[in-house]
Amino acid sequence: MLIIEVTNAREVVRKQVGRLGERLIGKVVDAESQVEKALIQEMETAFKEFGIEARILSVNGPQLDGSEFLQFPLLVREERDVVLNED
């Protein structure tokens, strides 16, 4: 199992839409969830290319506590199953 924590979501959004866009998006949309959504799409594409079937979850709640512990109050924001089409 892999856990990936995006630590610079606001900077990524700022690069994509600029400072003004970031301010507007920050009021309407969660930058972290937007970056995670884009990341999920890229991972799905890559997994299919490698023949990997997976379940990818975007969740709100887990927090890293230093480098040794992970706390888990969990709310699933998005879920996607990557399944290979066997033609």
C-alpha atoms as a PDB file:
ATOM      1  CA  MET A   1       0.000   0.000   0.000  1.00  0.00           C
ATOM      2  CA  LEU A   2       1.219   3.477  -0.832  1.00  0.00           C
ATOM      3  CA  ILE A   3       0.346   6.677   0.961  1.00  0.00           C
ATOM      4  CA  ILE A   4       1.172   9.926  -0.804  1.00  0.00           C
ATOM      5  CA  GLU A   5       0.830  13.234   1.008  1.00  0.00           C
ATOM      6  CA  VAL A   6       0.735  16.286  -1.253  1.00  0.00           C
ATOM      7  CA  THR A   7       2.575  18.943   0.729  1.00  0.00           C
ATOM      8  CA  ASN A   8       2.511  21.849  -1.740  1.00  0.00           C
ATOM      9  CA  ALA A   9      -1.036  21.886  -3.148  1.00  0.00           C
ATOM     10  CA  ARG A  10      -1.443  25.667  -2.874  1.00  0.00           C
ATOM     11  CA  GLU A  11       1.837  26.273  -4.743  1.00  0.00           C
ATOM     12  CA  VAL A  12       0.774  23.869  -7.497  1.00  0.00           C
ATOM     13  CA  VAL A  13      -2.557  25.663  -7.888  1.00  0.00           C
ATOM     14  CA  ARG A  14      -0.771  29.031  -7.866  1.00  0.00           C
ATOM     15  CA  LYS A  15       1.504  27.902 -10.716  1.00  0.00           C
ATOM     16  CA  GLN A  16      -1.470  26.700 -12.742  1.00  0.00           C
ATOM     17  CA  VAL A  17      -3.823  29.664 -12.272  1.00  0.00           C
ATOM     18  CA  GLY A  18      -1.699  32.478 -10.842  1.00  0.00           C
ATOM     19  CA  ARG A  19      -2.044  34.326  -7.541  1.00  0.00           C
ATOM     20  CA  LEU A  20      -5.416  35.912  -8.308  1.00  0.00           C
ATOM     21  CA  GLY A  21      -6.848  32.602  -9.485  1.00  0.00           C
ATOM     22  CA  GLU A  22      -5.507  30.911  -6.354  1.00  0.00           C
ATOM     23  CA  ARG A  23      -7.347  33.420  -4.168  1.00  0.00           C
ATOM     24  CA  LEU A  24     -10.587  32.856  -6.039  1.00  0.00           C
ATOM     25  CA  ILE A  25     -10.190  29.072  -6.100  1.00  0.00           C
ATOM     26  CA  GLY A  26      -9.242  29.018  -2.423  1.00  0.00           C
ATOM     27  CA  LYS A  27     -12.645  30.470  -1.572  1.00  0.00           C
ATOM     28  CA  VAL A  28     -14.618  28.063  -3.755  1.00  0.00           C
ATOM     29  CA  VAL A  29     -12.498  24.929  -4.151  1.00  0.00           C
ATOM     30  CA  ASP A  30     -10.084  23.080  -1.880  1.00  0.00           C
ATOM     31  CA  ALA A  31      -6.616  23.269  -3.513  1.00  0.00           C
ATOM     32  CA  GLU A  32      -5.571  19.944  -2.006  1.00  0.00           C
ATOM     33  CA  SER A  33      -8.554  18.068  -3.428  1.00  0.00           C
ATOM     34  CA  GLN A  34      -8.024  19.650  -6.869  1.00  0.00           C
ATOM     35  CA  VAL A  35      -4.372  18.593  -6.951  1.00  0.00           C
ATOM     36  CA  GLU A  36      -5.302  15.111  -5.720  1.00  0.00           C
ATOM     37  CA  LYS A  37      -7.940  14.800  -8.450  1.00  0.00           C
ATOM     38  CA  ALA A  38      -5.362  15.654 -11.127  1.00  0.00           C
ATOM     39  CA  LEU A  39      -2.855  13.278  -9.555  1.00  0.00           C
ATOM     40  CA  ILE A  40      -5.415  10.449  -9.518  1.00  0.00           C
ATOM     41  CA  GLN A  41      -6.063  10.964 -13.223  1.00  0.00           C
ATOM     42  CA  GLU A  42      -2.340  10.809 -14.016  1.00  0.00           C
ATOM     43  CA  MET A  43      -1.861   7.724 -11.841  1.00  0.00           C
ATOM     44  CA  GLU A  44      -4.817   5.975 -13.492  1.00  0.00           C
ATOM     45  CA  THR A  45      -3.306   6.574 -16.924  1.00  0.00           C
ATOM     46  CA  ALA A  46       0.138   5.360 -15.818  1.00  0.00           C
ATOM     47  CA  PHE A  47      -1.263   2.301 -14.044  1.00  0.00           C
ATOM     48  CA  LYS A  48      -3.179   1.245 -17.146  1.00  0.00           C
ATOM     49  CA  GLU A  49      -0.047   1.623 -19.266  1.00  0.00           C
ATOM     50  CA  PHE A  50       1.851  -0.679 -16.875  1.00  0.00           C
ATOM     51  CA  GLY A  51      -1.002  -3.181 -16.593  1.00  0.00           C
ATOM     52  CA  ILE A  52      -1.650  -2.371 -12.927  1.00  0.00           C
ATOM     53  CA  GLU A  53      -5.115  -2.723 -11.433  1.00  0.00           C
ATOM     54  CA  ALA A  54      -5.591  -0.597  -8.325  1.00  0.00           C
ATOM     55  CA  ARG A  55      -8.001   1.229  -6.082  1.00  0.00           C
ATOM     56  CA  ILE A  56      -7.086   4.888  -5.611  1.00  0.00           C
ATOM     57  CA  LEU A  57      -8.690   6.874  -2.798  1.00  0.00           C
ATOM     58  CA  SER A  58      -8.571  10.589  -2.111  1.00  0.00           C
ATOM     59  CA  VAL A  59      -9.326  10.985   1.580  1.00  0.00           C
ATOM     60  CA  ASN A  60      -9.607  13.779   4.069  1.00  0.00           C
ATOM     61  CA  GLY A  61      -8.485  13.067   7.587  1.00  0.00           C
ATOM     62  CA  PRO A  62      -5.244  11.086   7.903  1.00  0.00           C
ATOM     63  CA  GLN A  63      -2.374  13.142   9.189  1.00  0.00           C
ATOM     64  CA  LEU A  64       1.296  12.314   9.446  1.00  0.00           C
ATOM     65  CA  ASP A  65       2.606  12.776  12.960  1.00  0.00           C
ATOM     66  CA  GLY A  66       6.339  13.163  12.422  1.00  0.00           C
ATOM     67  CA  SER A  67       7.796  10.349  10.353  1.00  0.00           C
ATOM     68  CA  GLU A  68       6.666   7.408  12.456  1.00  0.00           C
ATOM     69  CA  PHE A  69       2.910   7.676  13.013  1.00  0.00           C
ATOM     70  CA  LEU A  70      -0.189   8.100  10.890  1.00  0.00           C
ATOM     71  CA  GLN A  71      -3.499   9.167  12.492  1.00  0.00           C
ATOM     72  CA  PHE A  72      -6.717   8.030  10.782  1.00  0.00           C
ATOM     73  CA  PRO A  73      -9.971   9.945  11.118  1.00  0.00           C
ATOM     74  CA  LEU A  74     -11.036   9.137   7.525  1.00  0.00           C
ATOM     75  CA  LEU A  75     -13.472  10.735   5.071  1.00  0.00           C
ATOM     76  CA  VAL A  76     -13.276   9.491   1.452  1.00  0.00           C
ATOM     77  CA  ARG A  77     -13.453  12.410  -1.011  1.00  0.00           C
ATOM     78  CA  GLU A  78     -13.019  10.440  -4.211  1.00  0.00           C
ATOM     79  CA  GLU A  79     -12.517   6.833  -5.159  1.00  0.00           C
ATOM     80  CA  ARG A  80     -11.551   5.305  -8.462  1.00  0.00           C
ATOM     81  CA  ASP A  81     -10.979   1.696  -9.442  1.00  0.00           C
ATOM     82  CA  VAL A  82      -8.402   1.190 -12.174  1.00  0.00           C
ATOM     83  CA  VAL A  83      -9.400  -1.909 -14.098  1.00  0.00           C
ATOM     84  CA  LEU A  84      -7.780  -3.171 -17.263  1.00  0.00           C
ATOM     85  CA  ASN A  85     -10.074  -3.807 -20.212  1.00  0.00           C
ATOM     86  CA  GLU A  86      -9.391  -7.300 -21.416  1.00  0.00           C
ATOM     87  CA  ASP A  87     -10.375  -7.255 -25.065  1.00  0.00           C
END
